[in-house]
C-alpha atoms as a PDB file:
ATOM      1  CA  MET A   1      23.636  27.526  18.625  1.00  0.00           C
ATOM      2  CA  HIS A   2      22.637  25.869  15.365  1.00  0.00           C
ATOM      3  CA  ASP A   3      19.070  25.276  14.304  1.00  0.00           C
ATOM      4  CA  VAL A   4      20.051  21.864  12.966  1.00  0.00           C
ATOM      5  CA  ILE A   5      23.130  19.659  12.911  1.00  0.00           C
ATOM      6  CA  THR A   6      22.869  17.025  10.188  1.00  0.00           C
ATOM      7  CA  ILE A   7      24.741  13.795  10.809  1.00  0.00           C
ATOM      8  CA  GLY A   8      25.246  11.526   7.838  1.00  0.00           C
ATOM      9  CA  SER A   9      27.203  10.648   4.754  1.00  0.00           C
ATOM     10  CA  ALA A  10      29.272  12.800   2.422  1.00  0.00           C
ATOM     11  CA  THR A  11      30.123  11.499  -1.028  1.00  0.00           C
ATOM     12  CA  VAL A  12      31.451  12.614  -4.348  1.00  0.00           C
ATOM     13  CA  ASP A  13      28.790  11.647  -6.890  1.00  0.00           C
ATOM     14  CA  VAL A  14      29.574  10.905 -10.524  1.00  0.00           C
ATOM     15  CA  PHE A  15      26.574  10.884 -12.870  1.00  0.00           C
ATOM     16  CA  ALA A  16      27.277   8.796 -15.987  1.00  0.00           C
ATOM     17  CA  ARG A  17      24.801   8.678 -18.843  1.00  0.00           C
ATOM     18  CA  THR A  18      24.931   6.549 -21.950  1.00  0.00           C
ATOM     19  CA  GLU A  19      22.443   5.238 -24.486  1.00  0.00           C
ATOM     20  CA  PHE A  20      24.130   1.830 -24.585  1.00  0.00           C
ATOM     21  CA  CYS A  21      22.093   0.073 -21.940  1.00  0.00           C
ATOM     22  CA  GLU A  22      18.760  -1.667 -21.834  1.00  0.00           C
ATOM     23  CA  MET A  23      16.118  -2.672 -19.337  1.00  0.00           C
ATOM     24  CA  ILE A  24      15.627  -6.350 -18.517  1.00  0.00           C
ATOM     25  CA  ASN A  25      12.535  -7.572 -16.673  1.00  0.00           C
ATOM     26  CA  LYS A  26      13.003 -10.633 -14.476  1.00  0.00           C
ATOM     27  CA  ARG A  27      10.243 -11.785 -12.165  1.00  0.00           C
ATOM     28  CA  LYS A  28       9.325  -8.807  -9.986  1.00  0.00           C
ATOM     29  CA  GLU A  29      12.537  -6.866 -10.568  1.00  0.00           C
ATOM     30  CA  GLU A  30      13.970  -4.772 -13.371  1.00  0.00           C
ATOM     31  CA  PHE A  31      17.661  -4.590 -14.268  1.00  0.00           C
ATOM     32  CA  ILE A  32      19.810  -2.413 -16.488  1.00  0.00           C
ATOM     33  CA  ALA A  33      22.272  -4.287 -18.692  1.00  0.00           C
ATOM     34  CA  TYR A  34      25.458  -3.462 -20.609  1.00  0.00           C
ATOM     35  CA  PRO A  35      27.205  -5.620 -23.247  1.00  0.00           C
ATOM     36  CA  VAL A  36      29.840  -7.878 -21.655  1.00  0.00           C
ATOM     37  CA  GLY A  37      33.454  -7.034 -22.497  1.00  0.00           C
ATOM     38  CA  SER A  38      32.596  -3.793 -24.250  1.00  0.00           C
ATOM     39  CA  LYS A  39      33.897  -0.251 -23.889  1.00  0.00           C
ATOM     40  CA  ILE A  40      30.936   2.090 -23.657  1.00  0.00           C
ATOM     41  CA  LEU A  41      31.044   5.762 -24.520  1.00  0.00           C
ATOM     42  CA  ILE A  42      29.536   8.113 -21.956  1.00  0.00           C
ATOM     43  CA  ASP A  43      27.305  10.838 -23.364  1.00  0.00           C
ATOM     44  CA  GLU A  44      27.350  13.020 -20.280  1.00  0.00           C
ATOM     45  CA  LEU A  45      29.437  13.103 -17.102  1.00  0.00           C
ATOM     46  CA  ASN A  46      28.747  15.305 -14.081  1.00  0.00           C
ATOM     47  CA  VAL A  47      30.565  15.360 -10.748  1.00  0.00           C
ATOM     48  CA  THR A  48      28.849  16.749  -7.649  1.00  0.00           C
ATOM     49  CA  VAL A  49      28.930  16.428  -3.871  1.00  0.00           C
ATOM     50  CA  GLY A  50      26.196  14.234  -2.417  1.00  0.00           C
ATOM     51  CA  GLY A  51      25.341  11.980   0.488  1.00  0.00           C
ATOM     52  CA  GLY A  52      22.334  12.267   2.771  1.00  0.00           C
ATOM     53  CA  GLY A  53      24.151  14.335   5.366  1.00  0.00           C
ATOM     54  CA  THR A  54      25.420  17.026   3.001  1.00  0.00           C
ATOM     55  CA  ASN A  55      22.262  17.065   0.862  1.00  0.00           C
ATOM     56  CA  THR A  56      20.090  17.846   3.856  1.00  0.00           C
ATOM     57  CA  ALA A  57      22.566  20.338   5.307  1.00  0.00           C
ATOM     58  CA  VAL A  58      22.587  22.334   2.073  1.00  0.00           C
ATOM     59  CA  ALA A  59      18.799  22.151   1.728  1.00  0.00           C
ATOM     60  CA  LEU A  60      18.280  23.463   5.259  1.00  0.00           C
ATOM     61  CA  SER A  61      20.871  26.192   4.757  1.00  0.00           C
ATOM     62  CA  ARG A  62      19.174  27.413   1.571  1.00  0.00           C
ATOM     63  CA  LEU A  63      15.892  27.464   3.454  1.00  0.00           C
ATOM     64  CA  GLY A  64      17.419  29.958   5.866  1.00  0.00           C
ATOM     65  CA  HIS A  65      18.507  27.842   8.827  1.00  0.00           C
ATOM     66  CA  LYS A  66      21.780  27.924  10.718  1.00  0.00           C
ATOM     67  CA  VAL A  67      23.210  24.496   9.940  1.00  0.00           C
ATOM     68  CA  ALA A  68      26.288  22.394  10.664  1.00  0.00           C
ATOM     69  CA  PHE A  69      27.266  19.050   9.150  1.00  0.00           C
ATOM     70  CA  LEU A  70      28.883  16.175  11.036  1.00  0.00           C
ATOM     71  CA  GLY A  71      30.356  13.321   9.063  1.00  0.00           C
ATOM     72  CA  LYS A  72      33.649  11.624   8.286  1.00  0.00           C
ATOM     73  CA  ILE A  73      35.682  12.070   5.111  1.00  0.00           C
ATOM     74  CA  GLY A  74      39.149  11.156   3.849  1.00  0.00           C
ATOM     75  CA  SER A  75      42.071  13.482   3.259  1.00  0.00           C
ATOM     76  CA  GLY A  76      42.481  13.639  -0.522  1.00  0.00           C
ATOM     77  CA  VAL A  77      41.099  15.797  -3.294  1.00  0.00           C
ATOM     78  CA  ASN A  78      37.564  14.463  -2.821  1.00  0.00           C
ATOM     79  CA  SER A  79      37.519  15.563   0.812  1.00  0.00           C
ATOM     80  CA  LYS A  80      38.507  19.072  -0.259  1.00  0.00           C
ATOM     81  CA  ARG A  81      35.638  19.084  -2.747  1.00  0.00           C
ATOM     82  CA  VAL A  82      33.188  18.185   0.039  1.00  0.00           C
ATOM     83  CA  LEU A  83      34.460  20.916   2.367  1.00  0.00           C
ATOM     84  CA  GLN A  84      34.428  23.534  -0.389  1.00  0.00           C
ATOM     85  CA  GLU A  85      30.825  22.677  -1.248  1.00  0.00           C
ATOM     86  CA  LEU A  86      29.694  22.961   2.365  1.00  0.00           C
ATOM     87  CA  ARG A  87      31.392  26.311   2.918  1.00  0.00           C
ATOM     88  CA  LYS A  88      30.034  27.673  -0.355  1.00  0.00           C
ATOM     89  CA  GLU A  89      26.536  26.830   0.868  1.00  0.00           C
ATOM     90  CA  ASN A  90      27.060  28.497   4.278  1.00  0.00           C
ATOM     91  CA  VAL A  91      27.104  25.194   6.143  1.00  0.00           C
ATOM     92  CA  ASP A  92      29.365  25.042   9.206  1.00  0.00           C
ATOM     93  CA  ALA A  93      31.975  22.381   8.394  1.00  0.00           C
ATOM     94  CA  SER A  94      33.950  22.679  11.634  1.00  0.00           C
ATOM     95  CA  LEU A  95      32.474  19.431  12.984  1.00  0.00           C
ATOM     96  CA  VAL A  96      33.632  17.343  10.012  1.00  0.00           C
ATOM     97  CA  VAL A  97      36.069  14.575  10.956  1.00  0.00           C
ATOM     98  CA  SER A  98      38.926  13.947   8.513  1.00  0.00           C
ATOM     99  CA  SER A  99      40.740  10.616   8.351  1.00  0.00           C
ATOM    100  CA  LYS A 100      44.377  10.608   7.248  1.00  0.00           C
ATOM    101  CA  ASN A 101      44.182   6.999   6.093  1.00  0.00           C
ATOM    102  CA  GLY A 102      40.518   6.783   5.122  1.00  0.00           C
ATOM    103  CA  ARG A 103      38.811   7.553   1.829  1.00  0.00           C
ATOM    104  CA  THR A 104      35.897   9.853   1.150  1.00  0.00           C
ATOM    105  CA  GLY A 105      32.664   8.174   0.082  1.00  0.00           C
ATOM    106  CA  TYR A 106      32.137   7.845  -3.656  1.00  0.00           C
ATOM    107  CA  SER A 107      29.093   7.019  -5.758  1.00  0.00           C
ATOM    108  CA  ILE A 108      28.525   6.334  -9.443  1.00  0.00           C
ATOM    109  CA  ILE A 109      24.975   7.058 -10.582  1.00  0.00           C
ATOM    110  CA  LEU A 110      24.109   5.129 -13.749  1.00  0.00           C
ATOM    111  CA  ASP A 111      21.661   5.945 -16.516  1.00  0.00           C
ATOM    112  CA  SER A 112      18.281   7.328 -15.622  1.00  0.00           C
ATOM    113  CA  ILE A 113      15.867   4.787 -17.096  1.00  0.00           C
ATOM    114  CA  LYS A 114      12.156   5.341 -16.533  1.00  0.00           C
ATOM    115  CA  HIS A 115      13.195   8.444 -14.590  1.00  0.00           C
ATOM    116  CA  ASP A 116      14.954   6.382 -11.946  1.00  0.00           C
ATOM    117  CA  ARG A 117      18.590   5.535 -11.306  1.00  0.00           C
ATOM    118  CA  THR A 118      20.983   2.838 -10.170  1.00  0.00           C
ATOM    119  CA  ILE A 119      23.710   3.834  -7.729  1.00  0.00           C
ATOM    120  CA  LEU A 120      27.013   2.087  -7.101  1.00  0.00           C
ATOM    121  CA  THR A 121      28.267   3.413  -3.792  1.00  0.00           C
ATOM    122  CA  PHE A 122      31.525   3.128  -1.849  1.00  0.00           C
ATOM    123  CA  LYS A 123      30.909   4.127   1.767  1.00  0.00           C
ATOM    124  CA  GLY A 124      34.553   4.561   2.778  1.00  0.00           C
ATOM    125  CA  SER A 125      34.995   6.805   5.814  1.00  0.00           C
ATOM    126  CA  ASN A 126      31.229   7.324   6.079  1.00  0.00           C
ATOM    127  CA  ASN A 127      31.009   4.047   8.014  1.00  0.00           C
ATOM    128  CA  GLU A 128      33.881   4.866  10.382  1.00  0.00           C
ATOM    129  CA  LEU A 129      32.719   7.834  12.480  1.00  0.00           C
ATOM    130  CA  LYS A 130      33.548   7.212  16.150  1.00  0.00           C
ATOM    131  CA  PHE A 131      31.865   9.031  19.015  1.00  0.00           C
ATOM    132  CA  ASN A 132      35.195   9.982  20.602  1.00  0.00           C
ATOM    133  CA  GLU A 133      36.188  11.771  17.374  1.00  0.00           C
ATOM    134  CA  ILE A 134      33.330  14.250  17.700  1.00  0.00           C
ATOM    135  CA  LYS A 135      33.844  17.752  19.096  1.00  0.00           C
ATOM    136  CA  ILE A 136      31.027  17.087  21.506  1.00  0.00           C
ATOM    137  CA  LYS A 137      31.121  20.494  23.211  1.00  0.00           C
ATOM    138  CA  LYS A 138      30.268  22.071  19.848  1.00  0.00           C
ATOM    139  CA  MET A 139      27.215  19.845  19.322  1.00  0.00           C
ATOM    140  CA  LYS A 140      24.752  22.555  20.306  1.00  0.00           C
ATOM    141  CA  ALA A 141      21.536  22.647  18.314  1.00  0.00           C
ATOM    142  CA  LYS A 142      17.760  22.626  18.559  1.00  0.00           C
ATOM    143  CA  TRP A 143      17.600  19.589  16.268  1.00  0.00           C
ATOM    144  CA  PHE A 144      19.794  16.679  15.240  1.00  0.00           C
ATOM    145  CA  TYR A 145      18.966  15.279  11.803  1.00  0.00           C
ATOM    146  CA  PHE A 146      20.158  11.678  11.384  1.00  0.00           C
ATOM    147  CA  SER A 147      20.490  10.333   7.859  1.00  0.00           C
ATOM    148  CA  SER A 148      21.244   6.671   7.275  1.00  0.00           C
ATOM    149  CA  MET A 149      24.619   5.468   8.574  1.00  0.00           C
ATOM    150  CA  MET A 150      26.065   1.995   8.981  1.00  0.00           C
ATOM    151  CA  GLU A 151      28.549  -0.033  11.024  1.00  0.00           C
ATOM    152  CA  THR A 152      30.625   2.054  13.473  1.00  0.00           C
ATOM    153  CA  SER A 153      28.832   5.222  12.425  1.00  0.00           C
ATOM    154  CA  PHE A 154      25.449   3.733  13.342  1.00  0.00           C
ATOM    155  CA  LYS A 155      26.708   3.005  16.854  1.00  0.00           C
ATOM    156  CA  THR A 156      27.754   6.648  16.995  1.00  0.00           C
ATOM    157  CA  LEU A 157      24.226   7.706  16.034  1.00  0.00           C
ATOM    158  CA  GLU A 158      22.905   5.689  18.974  1.00  0.00           C
ATOM    159  CA  LYS A 159      25.232   7.541  21.343  1.00  0.00           C
ATOM    160  CA  LEU A 160      24.280  10.884  19.813  1.00  0.00           C
ATOM    161  CA  ALA A 161      20.606  10.019  20.334  1.00  0.00           C
ATOM    162  CA  ASN A 162      21.332   9.479  24.038  1.00  0.00           C
ATOM    163  CA  TYR A 163      23.250  12.765  24.106  1.00  0.00           C
ATOM    164  CA  ALA A 164      20.322  14.528  22.455  1.00  0.00           C
ATOM    165  CA  VAL A 165      17.852  13.334  25.089  1.00  0.00           C
ATOM    166  CA  LYS A 166      20.090  14.556  27.914  1.00  0.00           C
ATOM    167  CA  ARG A 167      20.497  17.973  26.236  1.00  0.00           C
ATOM    168  CA  LYS A 168      16.821  18.224  25.212  1.00  0.00           C
ATOM    169  CA  ILE A 169      17.752  18.256  21.526  1.00  0.00           C
ATOM    170  CA  LYS A 170      15.033  16.917  19.222  1.00  0.00           C
ATOM    171  CA  VAL A 171      15.872  14.165  16.729  1.00  0.00           C
ATOM    172  CA  ALA A 172      14.657  13.701  13.154  1.00  0.00           C
ATOM    173  CA  PHE A 173      15.606  10.343  11.612  1.00  0.00           C
ATOM    174  CA  ASN A 174      15.538   9.491   7.900  1.00  0.00           C
ATOM    175  CA  ILE A 175      16.284   5.799   7.558  1.00  0.00           C
ATOM    176  CA  SER A 176      17.264   3.835   4.449  1.00  0.00           C
ATOM    177  CA  SER A 177      16.373   0.407   3.113  1.00  0.00           C
ATOM    178  CA  TYR A 178      19.693  -0.846   4.542  1.00  0.00           C
ATOM    179  CA  LEU A 179      18.617   0.091   8.051  1.00  0.00           C
ATOM    180  CA  ALA A 180      14.986  -0.933   7.581  1.00  0.00           C
ATOM    181  CA  GLU A 181      16.148  -4.436   6.677  1.00  0.00           C
ATOM    182  CA  LYS A 182      18.023  -4.615   9.988  1.00  0.00           C
ATOM    183  CA  GLY A 183      14.646  -4.553  11.706  1.00  0.00           C
ATOM    184  CA  ALA A 184      12.936  -2.588  14.448  1.00  0.00           C
ATOM    185  CA  ALA A 185      14.926  -4.226  17.241  1.00  0.00           C
ATOM    186  CA  TYR A 186      18.179  -3.004  15.694  1.00  0.00           C
ATOM    187  CA  LEU A 187      16.841   0.561  15.442  1.00  0.00           C
ATOM    188  CA  LYS A 188      14.906   0.739  18.710  1.00  0.00           C
ATOM    189  CA  ASN A 189      17.500   2.715  20.687  1.00  0.00           C
ATOM    190  CA  ILE A 190      17.241   5.579  18.199  1.00  0.00           C
ATOM    191  CA  LEU A 191      13.550   5.270  17.322  1.00  0.00           C
ATOM    192  CA  ARG A 192      12.527   5.610  20.978  1.00  0.00           C
ATOM    193  CA  LYS A 193      14.281   8.986  21.041  1.00  0.00           C
ATOM    194  CA  THR A 194      13.062  10.163  17.632  1.00  0.00           C
ATOM    195  CA  ALA A 195      10.544  12.992  17.322  1.00  0.00           C
ATOM    196  CA  ILE A 196      10.175  12.811  13.528  1.00  0.00           C
ATOM    197  CA  LEU A 197      10.654   9.646  11.460  1.00  0.00           C
ATOM    198  CA  ILE A 198      10.851   9.997   7.678  1.00  0.00           C
ATOM    199  CA  LEU A 199      10.982   7.030   5.308  1.00  0.00           C
ATOM    200  CA  ASN A 200       9.527   5.810   2.046  1.00  0.00           C
ATOM    201  CA  LYS A 201       6.680   3.317   1.745  1.00  0.00           C
ATOM    202  CA  GLU A 202       8.975   0.426   0.833  1.00  0.00           C
ATOM    203  CA  GLU A 203      11.136   1.081   3.900  1.00  0.00           C
ATOM    204  CA  ALA A 204       8.044   1.409   6.087  1.00  0.00           C
ATOM    205  CA  SER A 205       6.740  -1.945   4.830  1.00  0.00           C
ATOM    206  CA  ILE A 206      10.098  -3.616   5.477  1.00  0.00           C
ATOM    207  CA  LEU A 207      10.296  -2.172   8.975  1.00  0.00           C
ATOM    208  CA  ALA A 208       6.697  -2.578  10.109  1.00  0.00           C
ATOM    209  CA  GLY A 209       5.241  -5.197   7.768  1.00  0.00           C
ATOM    210  CA  ASN A 210       3.326  -5.011   4.503  1.00  0.00           C
ATOM    211  CA  TYR A 211       0.156  -3.402   5.825  1.00  0.00           C
ATOM    212  CA  ASN A 212      -2.231  -0.663   4.753  1.00  0.00           C
ATOM    213  CA  ILE A 213      -1.235   2.913   5.509  1.00  0.00           C
ATOM    214  CA  LYS A 214      -3.169   3.169   8.797  1.00  0.00           C
ATOM    215  CA  SER A 215      -1.635  -0.018  10.158  1.00  0.00           C
ATOM    216  CA  LEU A 216       1.818   1.118   9.063  1.00  0.00           C
ATOM    217  CA  PHE A 217       1.436   4.354  10.982  1.00  0.00           C
ATOM    218  CA  ASN A 218       0.171   2.625  14.117  1.00  0.00           C
ATOM    219  CA  LYS A 219       3.069   0.185  14.096  1.00  0.00           C
ATOM    220  CA  LEU A 220       5.652   2.918  13.439  1.00  0.00           C
ATOM    221  CA  HIS A 221       4.232   5.167  16.166  1.00  0.00           C
ATOM    222  CA  ASN A 222       4.506   2.256  18.599  1.00  0.00           C
ATOM    223  CA  LEU A 223       8.262   2.267  17.967  1.00  0.00           C
ATOM    224  CA  GLY A 224       8.524   5.775  19.413  1.00  0.00           C
ATOM    225  CA  PRO A 225       8.138   8.674  16.956  1.00  0.00           C
ATOM    226  CA  ASP A 226       5.168  11.021  17.428  1.00  0.00           C
ATOM    227  CA  LEU A 227       5.399  12.333  13.870  1.00  0.00           C
ATOM    228  CA  VAL A 228       5.893   9.957  10.925  1.00  0.00           C
ATOM    229  CA  ALA A 229       6.148  10.862   7.233  1.00  0.00           C
ATOM    230  CA  ILE A 230       5.914   8.152   4.561  1.00  0.00           C
ATOM    231  CA  THR A 231       6.766   9.139   1.008  1.00  0.00           C
ATOM    232  CA  ASP A 232       5.111   7.204  -1.813  1.00  0.00           C
ATOM    233  CA  GLY A 233       6.872   8.339  -4.966  1.00  0.00           C
ATOM    234  CA  LYS A 234       4.676   9.771  -7.712  1.00  0.00           C
ATOM    235  CA  ASN A 235       1.557   9.233  -5.592  1.00  0.00           C
ATOM    236  CA  GLY A 236       2.444  11.677  -2.846  1.00  0.00           C
ATOM    237  CA  VAL A 237       3.269  11.732   0.866  1.00  0.00           C
ATOM    238  CA  TYR A 238       1.440  10.555   3.991  1.00  0.00           C
ATOM    239  CA  VAL A 239       2.053  12.066   7.432  1.00  0.00           C
ATOM    240  CA  SER A 240       0.642  11.056  10.812  1.00  0.00           C
ATOM    241  CA  ASP A 241       0.812  12.742  14.226  1.00  0.00           C
ATOM    242  CA  ARG A 242      -0.905   9.825  16.056  1.00  0.00           C
ATOM    243  CA  LYS A 243      -4.295  11.566  15.705  1.00  0.00           C
ATOM    244  CA  PHE A 244      -4.659  12.370  12.016  1.00  0.00           C
ATOM    245  CA  ILE A 245      -3.330  11.228   8.642  1.00  0.00           C
ATOM    246  CA  TYR A 246      -2.405  13.956   6.177  1.00  0.00           C
ATOM    247  CA  PHE A 247      -1.987  13.134   2.498  1.00  0.00           C
ATOM    248  CA  GLY A 248      -0.307  15.443   0.019  1.00  0.00           C
ATOM    249  CA  LYS A 249      -1.011  14.575  -3.602  1.00  0.00           C
ATOM    250  CA  ALA A 250       2.006  14.854  -5.892  1.00  0.00           C
ATOM    251  CA  HIS A 251       1.845  17.034  -8.988  1.00  0.00           C
ATOM    252  CA  LYS A 252       2.509  15.565 -12.398  1.00  0.00           C
ATOM    253  CA  VAL A 253       5.893  17.023 -13.346  1.00  0.00           C
ATOM    254  CA  LYS A 254       8.538  16.106 -15.885  1.00  0.00           C
ATOM    255  CA  VAL A 255      10.936  13.859 -13.990  1.00  0.00           C
ATOM    256  CA  VAL A 256      14.575  14.007 -15.088  1.00  0.00           C
ATOM    257  CA  GLU A 257      15.861  11.870 -12.216  1.00  0.00           C
ATOM    258  CA  THR A 258      14.988  11.138  -8.609  1.00  0.00           C
ATOM    259  CA  THR A 259      18.402  11.411  -6.942  1.00  0.00           C
ATOM    260  CA  GLY A 260      18.093  13.532  -3.812  1.00  0.00           C
ATOM    261  CA  ALA A 261      14.296  13.747  -3.812  1.00  0.00           C
ATOM    262  CA  GLY A 262      13.981  12.005  -0.459  1.00  0.00           C
ATOM    263  CA  ASP A 263      16.606  14.239   1.131  1.00  0.00           C
ATOM    264  CA  ALA A 264      14.932  17.344  -0.290  1.00  0.00           C
ATOM    265  CA  PHE A 265      11.558  16.334   1.121  1.00  0.00           C
ATOM    266  CA  ALA A 266      12.868  15.279   4.530  1.00  0.00           C
ATOM    267  CA  SER A 267      14.950  18.390   5.149  1.00  0.00           C
ATOM    268  CA  SER A 268      12.220  20.731   3.913  1.00  0.00           C
ATOM    269  CA  PHE A 269       9.571  18.953   5.976  1.00  0.00           C
ATOM    270  CA  LEU A 270      11.749  19.467   9.049  1.00  0.00           C
ATOM    271  CA  SER A 271      12.225  23.107   8.057  1.00  0.00           C
ATOM    272  CA  GLY A 272       8.462  23.581   7.954  1.00  0.00           C
ATOM    273  CA  ILE A 273       8.048  22.068  11.406  1.00  0.00           C
ATOM    274  CA  ILE A 274      10.820  24.277  12.795  1.00  0.00           C
ATOM    275  CA  ARG A 275       9.396  27.430  11.231  1.00  0.00           C
ATOM    276  CA  LYS A 276       5.683  27.023  11.910  1.00  0.00           C
ATOM    277  CA  ASN A 277       5.129  23.740  13.763  1.00  0.00           C
ATOM    278  CA  ASP A 278       2.385  23.131  11.205  1.00  0.00           C
ATOM    279  CA  ILE A 279       2.158  19.712   9.566  1.00  0.00           C
ATOM    280  CA  GLU A 280       0.248  20.823   6.472  1.00  0.00           C
ATOM    281  CA  PHE A 281       2.698  23.647   5.809  1.00  0.00           C
ATOM    282  CA  ALA A 282       5.680  21.334   6.368  1.00  0.00           C
ATOM    283  CA  LEU A 283       4.181  18.738   4.021  1.00  0.00           C
ATOM    284  CA  LYS A 284       3.647  21.324   1.294  1.00  0.00           C
ATOM    285  CA  LEU A 285       7.146  22.767   1.721  1.00  0.00           C
ATOM    286  CA  GLY A 286       8.737  19.319   1.574  1.00  0.00           C
ATOM    287  CA  MET A 287       6.845  18.226  -1.518  1.00  0.00           C
ATOM    288  CA  THR A 288       7.477  21.510  -3.314  1.00  0.00           C
ATOM    289  CA  ASN A 289      11.243  21.269  -2.842  1.00  0.00           C
ATOM    290  CA  ALA A 290      11.341  17.586  -3.789  1.00  0.00           C
ATOM    291  CA  GLU A 291       9.363  18.270  -6.979  1.00  0.00           C
ATOM    292  CA  SER A 292      11.837  21.018  -7.862  1.00  0.00           C
ATOM    293  CA  VAL A 293      14.823  18.685  -7.433  1.00  0.00           C
ATOM    294  CA  ILE A 294      13.503  15.826  -9.574  1.00  0.00           C
ATOM    295  CA  GLN A 295      13.100  18.062 -12.626  1.00  0.00           C
ATOM    296  CA  TYR A 296      16.881  18.527 -12.926  1.00  0.00           C
ATOM    297  CA  HIS A 297      20.075  16.485 -12.730  1.00  0.00           C
ATOM    298  CA  GLY A 298      21.778  16.262  -9.334  1.00  0.00           C
ATOM    299  CA  ALA A 299      20.603  16.159  -5.734  1.00  0.00           C
ATOM    300  CA  LYS A 300      21.278  19.836  -4.978  1.00  0.00           C
ATOM    301  CA  GLU A 301      20.983  21.593  -8.344  1.00  0.00           C
ATOM    302  CA  LYS A 302      17.485  22.970  -7.826  1.00  0.00           C
ATOM    303  CA  LEU A 303      17.080  23.023  -4.069  1.00  0.00           C
ATOM    304  CA  LEU A 304      15.003  26.111  -3.339  1.00  0.00           C
ATOM    305  CA  THR A 305      15.509  29.021  -0.992  1.00  0.00           C
ATOM    306  CA  TYR A 306      12.671  29.703   1.430  1.00  0.00           C
ATOM    307  CA  ASN A 307      11.275  32.578  -0.644  1.00  0.00           C
ATOM    308  CA  GLU A 308      11.556  30.551  -3.853  1.00  0.00           C
ATOM    309  CA  ALA A 309       9.664  27.723  -2.172  1.00  0.00           C
ATOM    310  CA  LEU A 310       6.911  30.053  -0.973  1.00  0.00           C
ATOM    311  CA  ARG A 311       6.466  31.422  -4.486  1.00  0.00           C
ATOM    312  CA  ALA A 312       6.354  27.903  -5.936  1.00  0.00           C
ATOM    313  CA  MET A 313       3.803  26.832  -3.310  1.00  0.00           C
ATOM    314  CA  LYS A 314       1.601  29.789  -4.189  1.00  0.00           C
ATOM    315  CA  LYS A 315       1.924  29.216  -7.937  1.00  0.00           C
ATOM    316  CA  ASN A 316       1.227  25.485  -7.814  1.00  0.00           C
ATOM    317  CA  PRO A 317      -0.357  24.590  -4.450  1.00  0.00           C
ATOM    318  CA  VAL A 318      -0.113  21.093  -3.022  1.00  0.00           C
ATOM    319  CA  LYS A 319      -3.519  19.705  -2.071  1.00  0.00           C
ATOM    320  CA  VAL A 320      -3.596  18.133   1.389  1.00  0.00           C
ATOM    321  CA  ASN A 321      -6.357  15.869   2.701  1.00  0.00           C
ATOM    322  CA  LYS A 322      -6.775  15.165   6.411  1.00  0.00           C
ATOM    323  CA  ARG A 323      -8.556  12.277   8.094  1.00  0.00           C
ATOM    324  CA  ILE A 324      -8.641  10.646  11.504  1.00  0.00           C
ATOM    325  CA  LEU A 325      -6.124   7.898  12.288  1.00  0.00           C
ATOM    326  CA  LEU A 326      -8.109   5.099  13.968  1.00  0.00           C
END
């Protein structure tokens, strides 16, 4: 039996960096711009394997858990790259569904401006996972970790949530802005069966309304999850267990880029809950791994092992405040 099966996307990520772009401010949004009709030289190009499903699978594996990944890929060279990456990281890839006619997900990550990034993503086979394609008898785990999926694959997540309840498998759910914008009614079948919900503050506000942190937690708990974690970028992370709010203050670190930070936190937070069932420890573990990732290029480059994380937590402790949720 696996500790965790992660269900989500697998992509080949191309990081392209160039100095020939600028920031444009328009109303409440910021845009990056390139000269029209020009050919722009790229200063640096890196190709890695990404996607929420594989990022979290690798993070959990490095933290010492027995992990499998379930997702759908194509059949070309990019699919081979995904499978090689998973096997190299000791992630069970036997559940992966390959499509003869489909294409593996692909993302282009553009210049990191103000330590952030813009991603152009092609979902491909990630959106096409059908429940009847899954080797359901092999879906044995203590936890299912759902990352954001869309279209047919989202319907499959709903069926897997039902399967999890029947098999007494716990569910952790990390939604995206895409899913948050669909609304609570669209997500209710999964949220009612979710033990841990992880999302950022923007997604929480979209899903539950633009309220203060206490109101956000109360509204999100009413949707089903007993444990909710809300990340708030450079400020830190809030967690609620229906009784208390825990706040972990982020350290000031040199940010290279933020790709994969959310996945690093979510998977490490789950790891902490699995290991010790202690919210403060899980919060510290999640923040420590996320802070490691954002100081380097790539979503997996500096994911920590469990012992590395413990040493980092001891060297630079995360301060956690606790107060009553009214």
